[in-house]
Amino acid sequence: MSPLFSRGTMEPVRIRRPAGLGLWGILLAVILLSGCALQRPADGAAPVTSPPATIASAHARPTSATPSTTVPAPSAPTPTRTGSATPAACPKPASGFVTHAPGKGKTVALTFDDGPGPADRDYVGILDHYGIHATFFETGAHAKASPDIVRLLASHGELIADHSWSHDYPTQVRGGWSLAYLRDQFRRTNAELAALTGRPVCFVRPPGGFRTDVLAAAPGLRMTAALWSVDSEDWKQPPRTTAAATNRIVANATAADGQAHPIVLMHSTKASHEPESLVSSYRGNTVVALPRVIEWYRSHGYRFVTLDGAA
């Protein structure tokens, strides 16, 4: 007869067949003994009502015998940005164009225009590696075409800002930039970005840095108009990654000239309408340059912030 094991003792219990007891009797005896073992906890122990947490499900994927590698925690926490998706949630706008990063001490704000674009996936990985954040000025047209990238940036704590809907310069708009035209461009873009991120859009950068009627249109939408103080000129890069092009972007992006609060301009993709021979859409050199730019500012004592002051 095969031995059964009593729960708790693991000692074999042999069931002898009583004289005259048939097969059904043996089965009944087994059921009775098993029920008693399940219902009777060891002395002083609480009844077991659920499987221990350490017992894996029978359907769980088996783990490898090789010890898993521990993933280190990020060097800095990712701040959570919250707020209403209405312009009223933004603070009072600045009275003029912002050209300096906020905060005390030496601060630097990295900003990326014209997105969202494919390079943003690389940028966010680099920013996460260094535990810092940046400000991304998005066009409404590109946001509508690539909503997943906007959501990715927002989920990683980057500040999402307005860069107009169509990125047309004043000379490309019939009659130039009017107040009505800018309000329409900014409102449409804000609505698109707020719908994607659930956050207010509190900053705007006019395409090309043109200023016509911007300070008349932006504050009414409770937005601060921001420019830059350091230009990487990465729109000049060739359609391939080269050491010379990367070095040039690094040199331009770190030409802070002793500024205590620089705002650095870089690009996610191309939103302007010039031909590729004049303005490149390639961003491979910017991706390669970005870690060197970050390390330069960090080694010179700068603290990285977004334009709303978050670290």
Protein backbone atom coordinates (compact mmCIF):
# COMPACT_ATOMS: atom_id res chain seq x y z
CA MET A 1 0.00 0.00 0.00
CA SER A 2 1.35 3.46 -0.87
CA PRO A 3 2.11 5.63 2.19
CA LEU A 4 0.22 8.90 2.73
CA PHE A 5 1.85 11.81 4.59
CA SER A 6 0.23 13.57 7.51
CA ARG A 7 0.41 17.38 7.14
CA GLY A 8 2.80 18.95 9.66
CA THR A 9 4.66 15.74 10.57
CA MET A 10 5.54 14.39 7.11
CA GLU A 11 5.58 10.90 8.77
CA PRO A 12 4.18 8.12 6.63
CA VAL A 13 0.74 6.93 7.68
CA ARG A 14 -0.15 3.46 6.51
CA ILE A 15 -3.84 2.67 6.22
CA ARG A 16 -4.55 -0.92 6.93
CA ARG A 17 -7.47 -2.47 5.24
CA PRO A 18 -9.96 -3.63 7.89
CA ALA A 19 -11.40 -7.04 7.42
CA GLY A 20 -14.45 -7.00 5.25
CA LEU A 21 -13.98 -3.35 4.23
CA GLY A 22 -14.43 -2.82 0.52
CA LEU A 23 -12.88 -0.26 -1.81
CA TRP A 24 -15.50 2.37 -0.99
CA GLY A 25 -14.73 2.01 2.66
CA ILE A 26 -11.03 2.59 2.07
CA LEU A 27 -11.79 5.76 0.10
CA LEU A 28 -14.07 7.02 2.89
CA ALA A 29 -11.32 6.50 5.45
CA VAL A 30 -8.82 8.42 3.36
CA ILE A 31 -11.22 11.35 2.97
CA LEU A 32 -11.89 11.49 6.71
CA LEU A 33 -8.18 11.47 7.62
CA SER A 34 -7.38 14.13 5.03
CA GLY A 35 -10.20 16.39 6.24
CA CYS A 36 -8.95 16.20 9.81
CA ALA A 37 -5.42 17.10 8.75
CA LEU A 38 -6.62 20.13 6.79
CA GLN A 39 -8.86 21.48 9.55
CA ARG A 40 -6.55 20.99 12.53
CA PRO A 41 -3.70 23.59 12.72
CA ALA A 42 -0.61 22.94 14.79
CA ASP A 43 -0.79 23.98 18.42
CA GLY A 44 -0.80 27.77 18.75
CA ALA A 45 -0.90 28.36 14.97
CA ALA A 46 -3.59 30.34 13.21
CA PRO A 47 -5.74 28.58 10.64
CA VAL A 48 -4.41 28.87 7.09
CA THR A 49 -6.90 30.81 4.99
CA SER A 50 -4.78 31.44 1.88
CA PRO A 51 -1.58 30.11 0.32
CA PRO A 52 1.64 31.71 1.58
CA ALA A 53 2.80 34.66 -0.49
CA THR A 54 6.04 32.86 -1.29
CA ILE A 55 4.30 30.02 -3.09
CA ALA A 56 4.22 30.69 -6.82
CA SER A 57 1.21 30.03 -8.95
CA ALA A 58 1.23 26.82 -10.91
CA HIS A 59 0.97 29.00 -14.04
CA ALA A 60 3.82 31.35 -13.15
CA ARG A 61 6.77 31.53 -15.54
CA PRO A 62 9.73 29.61 -14.02
CA THR A 63 12.74 31.75 -13.22
CA SER A 64 16.24 31.07 -14.49
CA ALA A 65 18.78 29.52 -12.19
CA THR A 66 21.05 32.46 -12.96
CA PRO A 67 20.72 35.21 -10.31
CA SER A 68 18.92 38.27 -11.65
CA THR A 69 20.75 41.57 -12.04
CA THR A 70 19.60 44.32 -9.68
CA VAL A 71 18.63 47.47 -11.54
CA PRO A 72 20.01 50.53 -9.73
CA ALA A 73 17.59 53.25 -8.71
CA PRO A 74 17.68 56.50 -10.75
CA SER A 75 20.18 59.03 -9.50
CA ALA A 76 17.40 61.54 -8.99
CA PRO A 77 13.64 61.09 -8.52
CA THR A 78 11.31 61.95 -11.36
CA PRO A 79 9.10 64.84 -10.22
CA THR A 80 5.38 64.40 -10.66
CA ARG A 81 3.70 67.25 -12.48
CA THR A 82 0.06 67.67 -11.69
CA GLY A 83 -2.58 70.24 -12.42
CA SER A 84 -5.64 71.07 -14.42
CA ALA A 85 -5.54 70.98 -18.21
CA THR A 86 -6.88 74.55 -18.33
CA PRO A 87 -4.82 77.70 -18.81
CA ALA A 88 -6.16 79.05 -15.51
CA ALA A 89 -3.95 76.52 -13.67
CA CYS A 90 -0.80 78.32 -14.85
CA PRO A 91 0.86 80.97 -12.67
CA LYS A 92 0.78 84.63 -13.61
CA PRO A 93 2.80 85.05 -16.83
CA ALA A 94 6.04 86.99 -16.89
CA SER A 95 5.73 90.53 -18.20
CA GLY A 96 8.35 90.06 -20.92
CA PHE A 97 10.29 87.37 -22.74
CA VAL A 98 12.09 84.95 -20.44
CA THR A 99 15.73 84.45 -21.42
CA HIS A 100 17.16 83.04 -18.18
CA ALA A 101 16.66 79.72 -16.42
CA PRO A 102 14.83 80.00 -13.07
CA GLY A 103 16.21 79.15 -9.65
CA LYS A 104 18.95 80.20 -7.26
CA GLY A 105 22.61 79.51 -7.72
CA LYS A 106 23.81 78.41 -11.14
CA THR A 107 20.96 76.85 -13.13
CA VAL A 108 20.63 75.74 -16.73
CA ALA A 109 17.51 74.84 -18.72
CA LEU A 110 17.83 72.48 -21.66
CA THR A 111 15.10 73.09 -24.23
CA PHE A 112 14.14 71.23 -27.41
CA ASP A 113 12.06 72.80 -30.19
CA ASP A 114 9.97 71.59 -33.14
CA GLY A 115 8.91 68.23 -31.73
CA PRO A 116 7.71 65.76 -31.00
CA GLY A 117 10.15 63.79 -33.12
CA PRO A 118 11.91 60.42 -33.23
CA ALA A 119 15.03 61.76 -31.48
CA ASP A 120 12.93 62.46 -28.37
CA ARG A 121 13.02 58.76 -27.48
CA ASP A 122 16.81 59.00 -27.31
CA TYR A 123 16.71 62.30 -25.45
CA VAL A 124 14.43 60.99 -22.72
CA GLY A 125 16.68 57.97 -22.19
CA ILE A 126 19.71 60.23 -21.79
CA LEU A 127 17.87 62.60 -19.45
CA ASP A 128 16.70 59.67 -17.34
CA HIS A 129 20.26 58.34 -17.17
CA TYR A 130 21.45 61.62 -15.66
CA GLY A 131 18.37 62.08 -13.49
CA ILE A 132 17.45 65.45 -14.99
CA HIS A 133 14.60 66.99 -16.99
CA ALA A 134 14.15 69.37 -19.91
CA THR A 135 11.52 71.55 -21.56
CA PHE A 136 10.06 70.45 -24.91
CA PHE A 137 8.40 73.06 -27.13
CA GLU A 138 5.99 71.10 -29.34
CA THR A 139 4.11 72.14 -32.45
CA GLY A 140 0.45 71.21 -32.56
CA ALA A 141 0.79 69.57 -35.97
CA HIS A 142 3.61 67.28 -34.84
CA ALA A 143 1.86 66.49 -31.55
CA LYS A 144 -1.25 65.43 -33.44
CA ALA A 145 0.89 63.21 -35.70
CA SER A 146 2.96 61.66 -32.86
CA PRO A 147 0.83 61.68 -29.70
CA ASP A 148 2.67 58.68 -28.26
CA ILE A 149 5.93 60.65 -28.05
CA VAL A 150 4.23 63.54 -26.26
CA ARG A 151 2.80 61.10 -23.73
CA LEU A 152 6.22 59.47 -23.33
CA LEU A 153 7.89 62.78 -22.55
CA ALA A 154 5.16 63.77 -20.12
CA SER A 155 5.30 60.41 -18.36
CA HIS A 156 9.02 60.91 -17.74
CA GLY A 157 8.45 64.29 -16.11
CA GLU A 158 9.51 66.55 -18.96
CA LEU A 159 7.83 69.96 -19.23
CA ILE A 160 5.66 70.21 -22.35
CA ALA A 161 5.28 73.67 -23.88
CA ASP A 162 3.75 75.41 -26.92
CA HIS A 163 5.62 76.12 -30.17
CA SER A 164 2.61 77.15 -32.30
CA TRP A 165 0.57 74.82 -34.48
CA SER A 166 2.13 75.13 -37.93
CA HIS A 167 5.50 76.83 -37.24
CA ASP A 168 5.04 79.49 -39.91
CA TYR A 169 7.22 82.60 -39.73
CA PRO A 170 5.59 86.05 -40.07
CA THR A 171 6.64 86.29 -43.72
CA GLN A 172 4.97 82.95 -44.46
CA VAL A 173 1.57 84.08 -43.17
CA ARG A 174 -0.63 86.28 -45.31
CA GLY A 175 -0.72 89.64 -43.60
CA GLY A 176 1.93 88.56 -41.08
CA TRP A 177 1.43 87.55 -37.48
CA SER A 178 -1.73 89.23 -36.22
CA LEU A 179 -3.03 88.95 -32.69
CA ALA A 180 -5.94 86.81 -33.91
CA TYR A 181 -3.59 84.52 -35.82
CA LEU A 182 -1.29 83.92 -32.84
CA ARG A 183 -4.17 83.34 -30.45
CA ASP A 184 -5.57 80.70 -32.79
CA GLN A 185 -2.17 79.01 -33.19
CA PHE A 186 -1.52 78.94 -29.45
CA ARG A 187 -5.05 77.87 -28.44
CA ARG A 188 -5.14 74.96 -30.89
CA THR A 189 -1.72 73.74 -29.78
CA ASN A 190 -2.56 74.11 -26.10
CA ALA A 191 -5.76 72.13 -26.52
CA GLU A 192 -3.89 69.31 -28.28
CA LEU A 193 -1.09 69.15 -25.69
CA ALA A 194 -3.41 69.41 -22.70
CA ALA A 195 -5.58 66.61 -24.08
CA LEU A 196 -2.51 64.38 -24.44
CA THR A 197 -0.88 65.15 -21.09
CA GLY A 198 -3.70 66.31 -18.81
CA ARG A 199 -1.50 69.24 -17.75
CA PRO A 200 -1.68 72.98 -18.28
CA VAL A 201 0.50 74.53 -20.98
CA CYS A 202 2.17 77.50 -19.33
CA PHE A 203 5.05 78.37 -21.68
CA VAL A 204 5.28 79.25 -25.35
CA ARG A 205 8.23 79.83 -27.67
CA PRO A 206 7.46 81.63 -30.92
CA PRO A 207 8.80 79.97 -34.09
CA GLY A 208 12.19 81.36 -35.09
CA GLY A 209 12.22 83.59 -32.04
CA PHE A 210 10.09 86.20 -33.83
CA ARG A 211 8.39 88.54 -31.38
CA THR A 212 5.60 90.24 -33.33
CA ASP A 213 2.45 90.42 -31.14
CA VAL A 214 3.63 87.46 -29.02
CA LEU A 215 3.51 89.40 -25.75
CA ALA A 216 0.03 90.57 -26.66
CA ALA A 217 -1.25 87.05 -27.36
CA ALA A 218 0.50 84.84 -24.79
CA PRO A 219 -0.46 86.47 -21.46
CA GLY A 220 -4.14 86.40 -22.38
CA LEU A 221 -3.81 82.61 -22.54
CA ARG A 222 -1.90 82.69 -19.25
CA MET A 223 1.35 81.67 -20.90
CA THR A 224 4.88 82.97 -20.42
CA ALA A 225 6.85 83.60 -23.61
CA ALA A 226 10.35 82.09 -23.46
CA LEU A 227 13.33 82.49 -25.77
CA TRP A 228 16.90 81.25 -25.19
CA SER A 229 20.36 82.57 -24.38
CA VAL A 230 22.58 79.79 -25.83
CA ASP A 231 21.98 78.42 -29.35
CA SER A 232 23.41 75.01 -30.26
CA GLU A 233 22.68 75.68 -33.95
CA ASP A 234 22.04 71.97 -34.34
CA TRP A 235 19.75 72.70 -37.28
CA LYS A 236 22.94 73.13 -39.33
CA GLN A 237 24.09 69.52 -38.91
CA PRO A 238 24.61 67.24 -41.91
CA PRO A 239 22.32 64.25 -42.62
CA ARG A 240 24.74 61.86 -40.90
CA THR A 241 26.62 61.66 -37.62
CA THR A 242 30.17 62.98 -37.75
CA ALA A 243 32.72 63.90 -35.08
CA ALA A 244 33.04 67.41 -36.48
CA ALA A 245 29.28 68.08 -36.41
CA THR A 246 28.92 66.66 -32.91
CA ASN A 247 31.86 68.70 -31.60
CA ARG A 248 30.39 71.85 -33.11
CA ILE A 249 27.04 71.31 -31.36
CA VAL A 250 28.79 70.68 -28.03
CA ALA A 251 30.89 73.83 -28.42
CA ASN A 252 27.86 75.97 -29.30
CA ALA A 253 25.61 74.52 -26.59
CA THR A 254 28.21 75.13 -23.87
CA ALA A 255 29.12 78.66 -24.94
CA ALA A 256 27.46 80.11 -21.86
CA ASP A 257 30.05 82.88 -21.51
CA GLY A 258 29.78 82.98 -17.75
CA GLN A 259 25.96 83.12 -17.68
CA ALA A 260 24.53 82.07 -14.34
CA HIS A 261 21.17 80.98 -15.79
CA PRO A 262 21.48 79.96 -19.45
CA ILE A 263 18.64 78.54 -21.54
CA VAL A 264 20.05 76.19 -24.18
CA LEU A 265 18.26 75.76 -27.50
CA MET A 266 18.32 72.39 -29.28
CA HIS A 267 15.85 70.62 -31.55
CA SER A 268 13.83 67.40 -31.59
CA THR A 269 13.14 67.44 -35.33
CA LYS A 270 12.38 70.00 -38.02
CA ALA A 271 9.15 72.01 -38.09
CA SER A 272 10.19 74.94 -40.29
CA HIS A 273 9.51 74.82 -44.00
CA GLU A 274 12.91 75.49 -45.56
CA PRO A 275 14.48 72.81 -47.78
CA GLU A 276 16.79 70.22 -46.23
CA SER A 277 19.75 71.89 -47.91
CA LEU A 278 19.20 74.92 -45.67
CA VAL A 279 17.77 73.40 -42.49
CA SER A 280 18.44 69.78 -41.59
CA SER A 281 15.88 67.49 -39.98
CA TYR A 282 18.59 65.02 -38.89
CA ARG A 283 19.24 64.93 -35.13
CA GLY A 284 21.78 62.13 -34.73
CA ASN A 285 24.57 64.57 -33.87
CA THR A 286 22.42 66.22 -31.21
CA VAL A 287 21.75 62.82 -29.62
CA VAL A 288 25.48 62.08 -29.46
CA ALA A 289 26.29 65.58 -28.21
CA LEU A 290 23.68 65.71 -25.44
CA PRO A 291 25.57 63.63 -22.81
CA ARG A 292 28.66 65.78 -23.31
CA VAL A 293 26.61 68.96 -22.96
CA ILE A 294 25.05 67.68 -19.73
CA GLU A 295 28.40 66.64 -18.31
CA TRP A 296 29.95 70.01 -19.16
CA TYR A 297 27.27 71.97 -17.30
CA ARG A 298 27.32 69.57 -14.38
CA SER A 299 31.11 69.78 -14.08
CA HIS A 300 30.83 73.58 -14.05
CA GLY A 301 28.46 73.59 -11.09
CA TYR A 302 25.12 74.07 -12.82
CA ARG A 303 21.85 72.62 -11.61
CA PHE A 304 19.40 71.47 -14.30
CA VAL A 305 15.86 72.86 -14.21
CA THR A 306 12.83 73.10 -16.44
CA LEU A 307 11.40 76.52 -17.22
CA ASP A 308 8.80 76.19 -14.48
CA GLY A 309 11.60 75.81 -11.91
CA ALA A 310 11.29 72.06 -11.33
CA ALA A 311 14.56 70.17 -10.96
